[in-house]
Amino acid sequence: MRLLVISLTSLLLVLQYQFWIGSGGWLDAYSLQTRVQLQKSINHKLTERNKALLGEVLDLKQGYDAVEERGRTDFGLVKPGETFYQVVDSPESVK
């Protein structure tokens, strides 16, 4: 009888170890759950960025105005007959 109790107790301890600490146990599951939540957050941010980029690409493909605006802001495009004015803040107003 005593051997049976020791055997069952040992088996219980081994199973508990596997459940809590062992490979694929509770700690691993919790760690994976945390990593999944982090990855979902990253994926959501990337999805939003991709939507914005897709909108910009479609706008550039469809309209000349978007290309012209991009040229003006990024490359300083000035059409013939236009005069370029640069407005600079005075040092007093910049804080």
PDB file of N, CA and C in Angstrom:
ATOM      1  N   MET A   1       0.818  -1.193   0.000  1.00  0.00           N
ATOM      2  CA  MET A   1       0.000   0.000   0.000  1.00  0.00           C
ATOM      3  C   MET A   1       0.867   1.265   0.000  1.00  0.00           C
ATOM      4  N   ARG A   2       1.918   1.235   0.797  1.00  0.00           N
ATOM      5  CA  ARG A   2       2.799   2.390   0.898  1.00  0.00           C
ATOM      6  C   ARG A   2       3.481   2.653  -0.448  1.00  0.00           C
ATOM      7  N   LEU A   3       3.862   1.622  -1.151  1.00  0.00           N
ATOM      8  CA  LEU A   3       4.495   1.761  -2.461  1.00  0.00           C
ATOM      9  C   LEU A   3       3.522   2.387  -3.469  1.00  0.00           C
ATOM     10  N   LEU A   4       2.262   2.041  -3.395  1.00  0.00           N
ATOM     11  CA  LEU A   4       1.239   2.601  -4.276  1.00  0.00           C
ATOM     12  C   LEU A   4       1.071   4.103  -4.028  1.00  0.00           C
ATOM     13  N   VAL A   5       1.053   4.519  -2.785  1.00  0.00           N
ATOM     14  CA  VAL A   5       0.914   5.939  -2.439  1.00  0.00           C
ATOM     15  C   VAL A   5       2.129   6.723  -2.935  1.00  0.00           C
ATOM     16  N   ILE A   6       3.319   6.173  -2.736  1.00  0.00           N
ATOM     17  CA  ILE A   6       4.536   6.844  -3.196  1.00  0.00           C
ATOM     18  C   ILE A   6       4.543   6.933  -4.720  1.00  0.00           C
ATOM     19  N   SER A   7       4.136   5.873  -5.386  1.00  0.00           N
ATOM     20  CA  SER A   7       4.099   5.861  -6.853  1.00  0.00           C
ATOM     21  C   SER A   7       3.095   6.885  -7.385  1.00  0.00           C
ATOM     22  N   LEU A   8       1.911   6.918  -6.816  1.00  0.00           N
ATOM     23  CA  LEU A   8       0.891   7.863  -7.266  1.00  0.00           C
ATOM     24  C   LEU A   8       1.290   9.312  -6.968  1.00  0.00           C
ATOM     25  N   THR A   9       1.913   9.541  -5.833  1.00  0.00           N
ATOM     26  CA  THR A   9       2.388  10.886  -5.494  1.00  0.00           C
ATOM     27  C   THR A   9       3.480  11.322  -6.465  1.00  0.00           C
ATOM     28  N   SER A  10       4.379  10.413  -6.771  1.00  0.00           N
ATOM     29  CA  SER A  10       5.444  10.727  -7.731  1.00  0.00           C
ATOM     30  C   SER A  10       4.855  11.029  -9.105  1.00  0.00           C
ATOM     31  N   LEU A  11       3.890  10.237  -9.522  1.00  0.00           N
ATOM     32  CA  LEU A  11       3.232  10.459 -10.805  1.00  0.00           C
ATOM     33  C   LEU A  11       2.524  11.816 -10.827  1.00  0.00           C
ATOM     34  N   LEU A  12       1.855  12.150  -9.742  1.00  0.00           N
ATOM     35  CA  LEU A  12       1.178  13.436  -9.638  1.00  0.00           C
ATOM     36  C   LEU A  12       2.173  14.594  -9.731  1.00  0.00           C
ATOM     37  N   LEU A  13       3.308  14.468  -9.066  1.00  0.00           N
ATOM     38  CA  LEU A  13       4.322  15.521  -9.114  1.00  0.00           C
ATOM     39  C   LEU A  13       4.892  15.679 -10.524  1.00  0.00           C
ATOM     40  N   VAL A  14       5.137  14.575 -11.195  1.00  0.00           N
ATOM     41  CA  VAL A  14       5.655  14.637 -12.564  1.00  0.00           C
ATOM     42  C   VAL A  14       4.635  15.300 -13.487  1.00  0.00           C
ATOM     43  N   LEU A  15       3.371  14.930 -13.351  1.00  0.00           N
ATOM     44  CA  LEU A  15       2.334  15.523 -14.194  1.00  0.00           C
ATOM     45  C   LEU A  15       2.154  17.013 -13.903  1.00  0.00           C
ATOM     46  N   GLN A  16       2.223  17.382 -12.633  1.00  0.00           N
ATOM     47  CA  GLN A  16       2.113  18.794 -12.271  1.00  0.00           C
ATOM     48  C   GLN A  16       3.288  19.591 -12.834  1.00  0.00           C
ATOM     49  N   TYR A  17       4.466  19.011 -12.772  1.00  0.00           N
ATOM     50  CA  TYR A  17       5.640  19.675 -13.331  1.00  0.00           C
ATOM     51  C   TYR A  17       5.438  19.905 -14.826  1.00  0.00           C
ATOM     52  N   GLN A  18       4.967  18.877 -15.531  1.00  0.00           N
ATOM     53  CA  GLN A  18       4.732  19.006 -16.967  1.00  0.00           C
ATOM     54  C   GLN A  18       3.680  20.081 -17.255  1.00  0.00           C
ATOM     55  N   PHE A  19       2.652  20.125 -16.427  1.00  0.00           N
ATOM     56  CA  PHE A  19       1.572  21.083 -16.652  1.00  0.00           C
ATOM     57  C   PHE A  19       2.033  22.522 -16.433  1.00  0.00           C
ATOM     58  N   TRP A  20       2.748  22.786 -15.375  1.00  0.00           N
ATOM     59  CA  TRP A  20       3.119  24.152 -15.014  1.00  0.00           C
ATOM     60  C   TRP A  20       4.416  24.623 -15.668  1.00  0.00           C
ATOM     61  N   ILE A  21       5.433  23.786 -15.693  1.00  0.00           N
ATOM     62  CA  ILE A  21       6.764  24.240 -16.083  1.00  0.00           C
ATOM     63  C   ILE A  21       7.267  23.584 -17.364  1.00  0.00           C
ATOM     64  N   GLY A  22       6.845  22.392 -17.650  1.00  0.00           N
ATOM     65  CA  GLY A  22       7.391  21.622 -18.768  1.00  0.00           C
ATOM     66  C   GLY A  22       7.113  22.236 -20.125  1.00  0.00           C
ATOM     67  N   SER A  23       7.687  21.629 -21.146  1.00  0.00           N
ATOM     68  CA  SER A  23       7.522  22.096 -22.514  1.00  0.00           C
ATOM     69  C   SER A  23       6.050  22.019 -22.915  1.00  0.00           C
ATOM     70  N   GLY A  24       5.506  23.124 -23.389  1.00  0.00           N
ATOM     71  CA  GLY A  24       4.097  23.162 -23.755  1.00  0.00           C
ATOM     72  C   GLY A  24       3.184  23.329 -22.563  1.00  0.00           C
ATOM     73  N   GLY A  25       3.744  23.658 -21.427  1.00  0.00           N
ATOM     74  CA  GLY A  25       2.952  23.821 -20.214  1.00  0.00           C
ATOM     75  C   GLY A  25       2.312  25.196 -20.122  1.00  0.00           C
ATOM     76  N   TRP A  26       1.801  25.483 -18.946  1.00  0.00           N
ATOM     77  CA  TRP A  26       1.074  26.718 -18.714  1.00  0.00           C
ATOM     78  C   TRP A  26       1.951  27.947 -18.932  1.00  0.00           C
ATOM     79  N   LEU A  27       3.175  27.920 -18.488  1.00  0.00           N
ATOM     80  CA  LEU A  27       4.064  29.071 -18.662  1.00  0.00           C
ATOM     81  C   LEU A  27       4.355  29.340 -20.135  1.00  0.00           C
ATOM     82  N   ASP A  28       4.548  28.286 -20.905  1.00  0.00           N
ATOM     83  CA  ASP A  28       4.761  28.457 -22.346  1.00  0.00           C
ATOM     84  C   ASP A  28       3.514  29.030 -23.018  1.00  0.00           C
ATOM     85  N   ALA A  29       2.357  28.541 -22.616  1.00  0.00           N
ATOM     86  CA  ALA A  29       1.108  29.034 -23.196  1.00  0.00           C
ATOM     87  C   ALA A  29       0.911  30.516 -22.878  1.00  0.00           C
ATOM     88  N   TYR A  30       1.213  30.911 -21.659  1.00  0.00           N
ATOM     89  CA  TYR A  30       1.083  32.320 -21.273  1.00  0.00           C
ATOM     90  C   TYR A  30       2.065  33.185 -22.062  1.00  0.00           C
ATOM     91  N   SER A  31       3.277  32.703 -22.222  1.00  0.00           N
ATOM     92  CA  SER A  31       4.285  33.434 -22.990  1.00  0.00           C
ATOM     93  C   SER A  31       3.848  33.589 -24.445  1.00  0.00           C
ATOM     94  N   LEU A  32       3.322  32.529 -25.018  1.00  0.00           N
ATOM     95  CA  LEU A  32       2.853  32.593 -26.401  1.00  0.00           C
ATOM     96  C   LEU A  32       1.672  33.546 -26.544  1.00  0.00           C
ATOM     97  N   GLN A  33       0.792  33.542 -25.569  1.00  0.00           N
ATOM     98  CA  GLN A  33      -0.358  34.443 -25.608  1.00  0.00           C
ATOM     99  C   GLN A  33       0.104  35.903 -25.595  1.00  0.00           C
ATOM    100  N   THR A  34       1.098  36.206 -24.792  1.00  0.00           N
ATOM    101  CA  THR A  34       1.647  37.558 -24.742  1.00  0.00           C
ATOM    102  C   THR A  34       2.277  37.932 -26.081  1.00  0.00           C
ATOM    103  N   ARG A  35       3.019  37.011 -26.663  1.00  0.00           N
ATOM    104  CA  ARG A  35       3.653  37.274 -27.955  1.00  0.00           C
ATOM    105  C   ARG A  35       2.614  37.459 -29.061  1.00  0.00           C
ATOM    106  N   VAL A  36       1.529  36.696 -29.002  1.00  0.00           N
ATOM    107  CA  VAL A  36       0.465  36.822 -30.002  1.00  0.00           C
ATOM    108  C   VAL A  36      -0.186  38.201 -29.904  1.00  0.00           C
ATOM    109  N   GLN A  37      -0.450  38.667 -28.693  1.00  0.00           N
ATOM    110  CA  GLN A  37      -1.046  39.993 -28.522  1.00  0.00           C
ATOM    111  C   GLN A  37      -0.126  41.087 -29.065  1.00  0.00           C
ATOM    112  N   LEU A  38       1.155  40.970 -28.794  1.00  0.00           N
ATOM    113  CA  LEU A  38       2.120  41.940 -29.305  1.00  0.00           C
ATOM    114  C   LEU A  38       2.149  41.926 -30.831  1.00  0.00           C
ATOM    115  N   GLN A  39       2.151  40.742 -31.418  1.00  0.00           N
ATOM    116  CA  GLN A  39       2.182  40.630 -32.875  1.00  0.00           C
ATOM    117  C   GLN A  39       0.899  41.171 -33.493  1.00  0.00           C
ATOM    118  N   LYS A  40      -0.249  40.962 -32.844  1.00  0.00           N
ATOM    119  CA  LYS A  40      -1.505  41.515 -33.351  1.00  0.00           C
ATOM    120  C   LYS A  40      -1.453  43.034 -33.369  1.00  0.00           C
ATOM    121  N   SER A  41      -0.872  43.613 -32.345  1.00  0.00           N
ATOM    122  CA  SER A  41      -0.740  45.067 -32.283  1.00  0.00           C
ATOM    123  C   SER A  41       0.149  45.577 -33.416  1.00  0.00           C
ATOM    124  N   ILE A  42       1.256  44.902 -33.628  1.00  0.00           N
ATOM    125  CA  ILE A  42       2.169  45.283 -34.714  1.00  0.00           C
ATOM    126  C   ILE A  42       1.472  45.137 -36.067  1.00  0.00           C
ATOM    127  N   ASN A  43       0.748  44.038 -36.252  1.00  0.00           N
ATOM    128  CA  ASN A  43       0.045  43.801 -37.512  1.00  0.00           C
ATOM    129  C   ASN A  43      -1.005  44.879 -37.771  1.00  0.00           C
ATOM    130  N   HIS A  44      -1.702  45.311 -36.711  1.00  0.00           N
ATOM    131  CA  HIS A  44      -2.725  46.347 -36.867  1.00  0.00           C
ATOM    132  C   HIS A  44      -2.090  47.658 -37.341  1.00  0.00           C
ATOM    133  N   LYS A  45      -0.967  48.027 -36.746  1.00  0.00           N
ATOM    134  CA  LYS A  45      -0.277  49.254 -37.158  1.00  0.00           C
ATOM    135  C   LYS A  45       0.186  49.158 -38.613  1.00  0.00           C
ATOM    136  N   LEU A  46       0.715  48.003 -38.985  1.00  0.00           N
ATOM    137  CA  LEU A  46       1.186  47.818 -40.363  1.00  0.00           C
ATOM    138  C   LEU A  46       0.024  47.824 -41.355  1.00  0.00           C
ATOM    139  N   THR A  47      -1.112  47.279 -40.962  1.00  0.00           N
ATOM    140  CA  THR A  47      -2.289  47.288 -41.826  1.00  0.00           C
ATOM    141  C   THR A  47      -2.758  48.715 -42.070  1.00  0.00           C
ATOM    142  N   GLU A  48      -2.781  49.517 -41.015  1.00  0.00           N
ATOM    143  CA  GLU A  48      -3.178  50.917 -41.170  1.00  0.00           C
ATOM    144  C   GLU A  48      -2.202  51.663 -42.082  1.00  0.00           C
ATOM    145  N   ARG A  49      -0.915  51.410 -41.917  1.00  0.00           N
ATOM    146  CA  ARG A  49       0.082  52.053 -42.773  1.00  0.00           C
ATOM    147  C   ARG A  49      -0.096  51.626 -44.226  1.00  0.00           C
ATOM    148  N   ASN A  50      -0.368  50.336 -44.442  1.00  0.00           N
ATOM    149  CA  ASN A  50      -0.570  49.833 -45.803  1.00  0.00           C
ATOM    150  C   ASN A  50      -1.796  50.468 -46.453  1.00  0.00           C
ATOM    151  N   LYS A  51      -2.867  50.666 -45.674  1.00  0.00           N
ATOM    152  CA  LYS A  51      -4.063  51.311 -46.218  1.00  0.00           C
ATOM    153  C   LYS A  51      -3.751  52.741 -46.650  1.00  0.00           C
ATOM    154  N   ALA A  52      -2.989  53.449 -45.829  1.00  0.00           N
ATOM    155  CA  ALA A  52      -2.624  54.826 -46.176  1.00  0.00           C
ATOM    156  C   ALA A  52      -1.764  54.857 -47.433  1.00  0.00           C
ATOM    157  N   LEU A  53      -0.812  53.945 -47.524  1.00  0.00           N
ATOM    158  CA  LEU A  53       0.046  53.890 -48.711  1.00  0.00           C
ATOM    159  C   LEU A  53      -0.741  53.501 -49.956  1.00  0.00           C
ATOM    160  N   LEU A  54      -1.696  52.593 -49.809  1.00  0.00           N
ATOM    161  CA  LEU A  54      -2.524  52.197 -50.947  1.00  0.00           C
ATOM    162  C   LEU A  54      -3.333  53.383 -51.448  1.00  0.00           C
ATOM    163  N   GLY A  55      -3.890  54.153 -50.525  1.00  0.00           N
ATOM    164  CA  GLY A  55      -4.633  55.344 -50.926  1.00  0.00           C
ATOM    165  C   GLY A  55      -3.755  56.333 -51.665  1.00  0.00           C
ATOM    166  N   GLU A  56      -2.544  56.509 -51.190  1.00  0.00           N
ATOM    167  CA  GLU A  56      -1.613  57.428 -51.844  1.00  0.00           C
ATOM    168  C   GLU A  56      -1.222  56.923 -53.233  1.00  0.00           C
ATOM    169  N   VAL A  57      -0.977  55.632 -53.355  1.00  0.00           N
ATOM    170  CA  VAL A  57      -0.613  55.051 -54.655  1.00  0.00           C
ATOM    171  C   VAL A  57      -1.761  55.205 -55.646  1.00  0.00           C
ATOM    172  N   LEU A  58      -2.982  54.907 -55.209  1.00  0.00           N
ATOM    173  CA  LEU A  58      -4.131  55.047 -56.107  1.00  0.00           C
ATOM    174  C   LEU A  58      -4.327  56.498 -56.521  1.00  0.00           C
ATOM    175  N   ASP A  59      -4.131  57.411 -55.590  1.00  0.00           N
ATOM    176  CA  ASP A  59      -4.258  58.832 -55.904  1.00  0.00           C
ATOM    177  C   ASP A  59      -3.204  59.257 -56.918  1.00  0.00           C
ATOM    178  N   LEU A  60      -1.984  58.774 -56.749  1.00  0.00           N
ATOM    179  CA  LEU A  60      -0.917  59.119 -57.694  1.00  0.00           C
ATOM    180  C   LEU A  60      -1.168  58.509 -59.071  1.00  0.00           C
ATOM    181  N   LYS A  61      -1.783  57.339 -59.113  1.00  0.00           N
ATOM    182  CA  LYS A  61      -2.059  56.698 -60.400  1.00  0.00           C
ATOM    183  C   LYS A  61      -3.196  57.397 -61.138  1.00  0.00           C
ATOM    184  N   GLN A  62      -4.171  57.921 -60.396  1.00  0.00           N
ATOM    185  CA  GLN A  62      -5.378  58.444 -61.032  1.00  0.00           C
ATOM    186  C   GLN A  62      -5.319  59.935 -61.340  1.00  0.00           C
ATOM    187  N   GLY A  63      -4.634  60.695 -60.529  1.00  0.00           N
ATOM    188  CA  GLY A  63      -4.740  62.133 -60.715  1.00  0.00           C
ATOM    189  C   GLY A  63      -3.408  62.828 -60.898  1.00  0.00           C
ATOM    190  N   TYR A  64      -3.425  63.808 -61.795  1.00  0.00           N
ATOM    191  CA  TYR A  64      -2.231  64.612 -62.031  1.00  0.00           C
ATOM    192  C   TYR A  64      -2.000  65.564 -60.862  1.00  0.00           C
ATOM    193  N   ASP A  65      -3.066  65.970 -60.185  1.00  0.00           N
ATOM    194  CA  ASP A  65      -2.946  66.910 -59.067  1.00  0.00           C
ATOM    195  C   ASP A  65      -2.081  66.348 -57.946  1.00  0.00           C
ATOM    196  N   ALA A  66      -2.216  65.075 -57.676  1.00  0.00           N
ATOM    197  CA  ALA A  66      -1.421  64.466 -56.604  1.00  0.00           C
ATOM    198  C   ALA A  66       0.061  64.457 -56.970  1.00  0.00           C
ATOM    199  N   VAL A  67       0.355  64.201 -58.235  1.00  0.00           N
ATOM    200  CA  VAL A  67       1.750  64.197 -58.683  1.00  0.00           C
ATOM    201  C   VAL A  67       2.322  65.608 -58.600  1.00  0.00           C
ATOM    202  N   GLU A  68       1.520  66.588 -59.008  1.00  0.00           N
ATOM    203  CA  GLU A  68       1.974  67.980 -58.952  1.00  0.00           C
ATOM    204  C   GLU A  68       2.202  68.418 -57.505  1.00  0.00           C
ATOM    205  N   GLU A  69       1.293  68.063 -56.626  1.00  0.00           N
ATOM    206  CA  GLU A  69       1.454  68.415 -55.211  1.00  0.00           C
ATOM    207  C   GLU A  69       2.716  67.785 -54.634  1.00  0.00           C
ATOM    208  N   ARG A  70       2.945  66.541 -54.984  1.00  0.00           N
ATOM    209  CA  ARG A  70       4.149  65.851 -54.504  1.00  0.00           C
ATOM    210  C   ARG A  70       5.410  66.545 -55.017  1.00  0.00           C
ATOM    211  N   GLY A  71       5.387  66.943 -56.261  1.00  0.00           N
ATOM    212  CA  GLY A  71       6.526  67.645 -56.838  1.00  0.00           C
ATOM    213  C   GLY A  71       6.764  68.994 -56.172  1.00  0.00           C
ATOM    214  N   ARG A  72       5.692  69.694 -55.850  1.00  0.00           N
ATOM    215  CA  ARG A  72       5.837  71.003 -55.208  1.00  0.00           C
ATOM    216  C   ARG A  72       6.387  70.872 -53.787  1.00  0.00           C
ATOM    217  N   THR A  73       5.864  69.940 -53.029  1.00  0.00           N
ATOM    218  CA  THR A  73       6.290  69.826 -51.628  1.00  0.00           C
ATOM    219  C   THR A  73       7.648  69.152 -51.482  1.00  0.00           C
ATOM    220  N   ASP A  74       7.893  68.116 -52.259  1.00  0.00           N
ATOM    221  CA  ASP A  74       9.128  67.351 -52.075  1.00  0.00           C
ATOM    222  C   ASP A  74      10.304  67.881 -52.894  1.00  0.00           C
ATOM    223  N   PHE A  75      10.009  68.416 -54.074  1.00  0.00           N
ATOM    224  CA  PHE A  75      11.093  68.772 -54.985  1.00  0.00           C
ATOM    225  C   PHE A  75      11.127  70.248 -55.359  1.00  0.00           C
ATOM    226  N   GLY A  76      10.227  71.058 -54.807  1.00  0.00           N
ATOM    227  CA  GLY A  76      10.237  72.487 -55.087  1.00  0.00           C
ATOM    228  C   GLY A  76       9.813  72.838 -56.501  1.00  0.00           C
ATOM    229  N   LEU A  77       8.838  72.121 -57.037  1.00  0.00           N
ATOM    230  CA  LEU A  77       8.365  72.354 -58.404  1.00  0.00           C
ATOM    231  C   LEU A  77       7.770  73.754 -58.528  1.00  0.00           C
ATOM    232  N   VAL A  78       8.213  74.484 -59.541  1.00  0.00           N
ATOM    233  CA  VAL A  78       7.646  75.791 -59.880  1.00  0.00           C
ATOM    234  C   VAL A  78       7.378  75.768 -61.380  1.00  0.00           C
ATOM    235  N   LYS A  79       6.126  76.014 -61.762  1.00  0.00           N
ATOM    236  CA  LYS A  79       5.758  75.997 -63.176  1.00  0.00           C
ATOM    237  C   LYS A  79       6.217  77.283 -63.857  1.00  0.00           C
ATOM    238  N   PRO A  80       6.363  77.230 -65.160  1.00  0.00           N
ATOM    239  CA  PRO A  80       6.713  78.451 -65.901  1.00  0.00           C
ATOM    240  C   PRO A  80       5.629  79.514 -65.699  1.00  0.00           C
ATOM    241  N   GLY A  81       6.061  80.725 -65.438  1.00  0.00           N
ATOM    242  CA  GLY A  81       5.124  81.820 -65.232  1.00  0.00           C
ATOM    243  C   GLY A  81       4.728  82.003 -63.775  1.00  0.00           C
ATOM    244  N   GLU A  82       5.098  81.087 -62.921  1.00  0.00           N
ATOM    245  CA  GLU A  82       4.799  81.221 -61.495  1.00  0.00           C
ATOM    246  C   GLU A  82       5.984  81.872 -60.793  1.00  0.00           C
ATOM    247  N   THR A  83       5.693  82.533 -59.702  1.00  0.00           N
ATOM    248  CA  THR A  83       6.739  83.152 -58.893  1.00  0.00           C
ATOM    249  C   THR A  83       6.767  82.451 -57.550  1.00  0.00           C
ATOM    250  N   PHE A  84       7.941  82.075 -57.130  1.00  0.00           N
ATOM    251  CA  PHE A  84       8.102  81.358 -55.862  1.00  0.00           C
ATOM    252  C   PHE A  84       8.345  82.370 -54.752  1.00  0.00           C
ATOM    253  N   TYR A  85       7.537  82.288 -53.710  1.00  0.00           N
ATOM    254  CA  TYR A  85       7.712  83.125 -52.529  1.00  0.00           C
ATOM    255  C   TYR A  85       7.972  82.218 -51.339  1.00  0.00           C
ATOM    256  N   GLN A  86       8.984  82.538 -50.584  1.00  0.00           N
ATOM    257  CA  GLN A  86       9.283  81.770 -49.380  1.00  0.00           C
ATOM    258  C   GLN A  86       9.030  82.669 -48.179  1.00  0.00           C
ATOM    259  N   VAL A  87       8.178  82.212 -47.277  1.00  0.00           N
ATOM    260  CA  VAL A  87       7.838  82.972 -46.081  1.00  0.00           C
ATOM    261  C   VAL A  87       8.630  82.388 -44.929  1.00  0.00           C
ATOM    262  N   VAL A  88       9.424  83.243 -44.291  1.00  0.00           N
ATOM    263  CA  VAL A  88      10.265  82.801 -43.184  1.00  0.00           C
ATOM    264  C   VAL A  88       9.785  83.492 -41.919  1.00  0.00           C
ATOM    265  N   ASP A  89       9.605  82.724 -40.847  1.00  0.00           N
ATOM    266  CA  ASP A  89       9.207  83.303 -39.566  1.00  0.00           C
ATOM    267  C   ASP A  89      10.349  84.121 -38.996  1.00  0.00           C
ATOM    268  N   SER A  90       9.984  85.212 -38.328  1.00  0.00           N
ATOM    269  CA  SER A  90      11.022  86.008 -37.675  1.00  0.00           C
ATOM    270  C   SER A  90      11.511  85.263 -36.444  1.00  0.00           C
ATOM    271  N   PRO A  91      12.762  85.482 -36.030  1.00  0.00           N
ATOM    272  CA  PRO A  91      13.302  84.759 -34.871  1.00  0.00           C
ATOM    273  C   PRO A  91      12.519  85.008 -33.586  1.00  0.00           C
ATOM    274  N   GLU A  92      11.831  86.147 -33.486  1.00  0.00           N
ATOM    275  CA  GLU A  92      11.051  86.452 -32.288  1.00  0.00           C
ATOM    276  C   GLU A  92       9.830  85.559 -32.171  1.00  0.00           C
ATOM    277  N   SER A  93       9.220  85.185 -33.309  1.00  0.00           N
ATOM    278  CA  SER A  93       8.001  84.383 -33.254  1.00  0.00           C
ATOM    279  C   SER A  93       8.292  82.897 -33.089  1.00  0.00           C
ATOM    280  N   VAL A  94       9.500  82.485 -33.353  1.00  0.00           N
ATOM    281  CA  VAL A  94       9.878  81.080 -33.194  1.00  0.00           C
ATOM    282  C   VAL A  94      10.296  80.856 -31.752  1.00  0.00           C
ATOM    283  N   LYS A  95       9.652  79.922 -31.092  1.00  0.00           N
ATOM    284  CA  LYS A  95       9.987  79.650 -29.686  1.00  0.00           C
ATOM    285  C   LYS A  95      10.273  78.196 -29.499  1.00  0.00           C
TER     286      LYS A  95
END
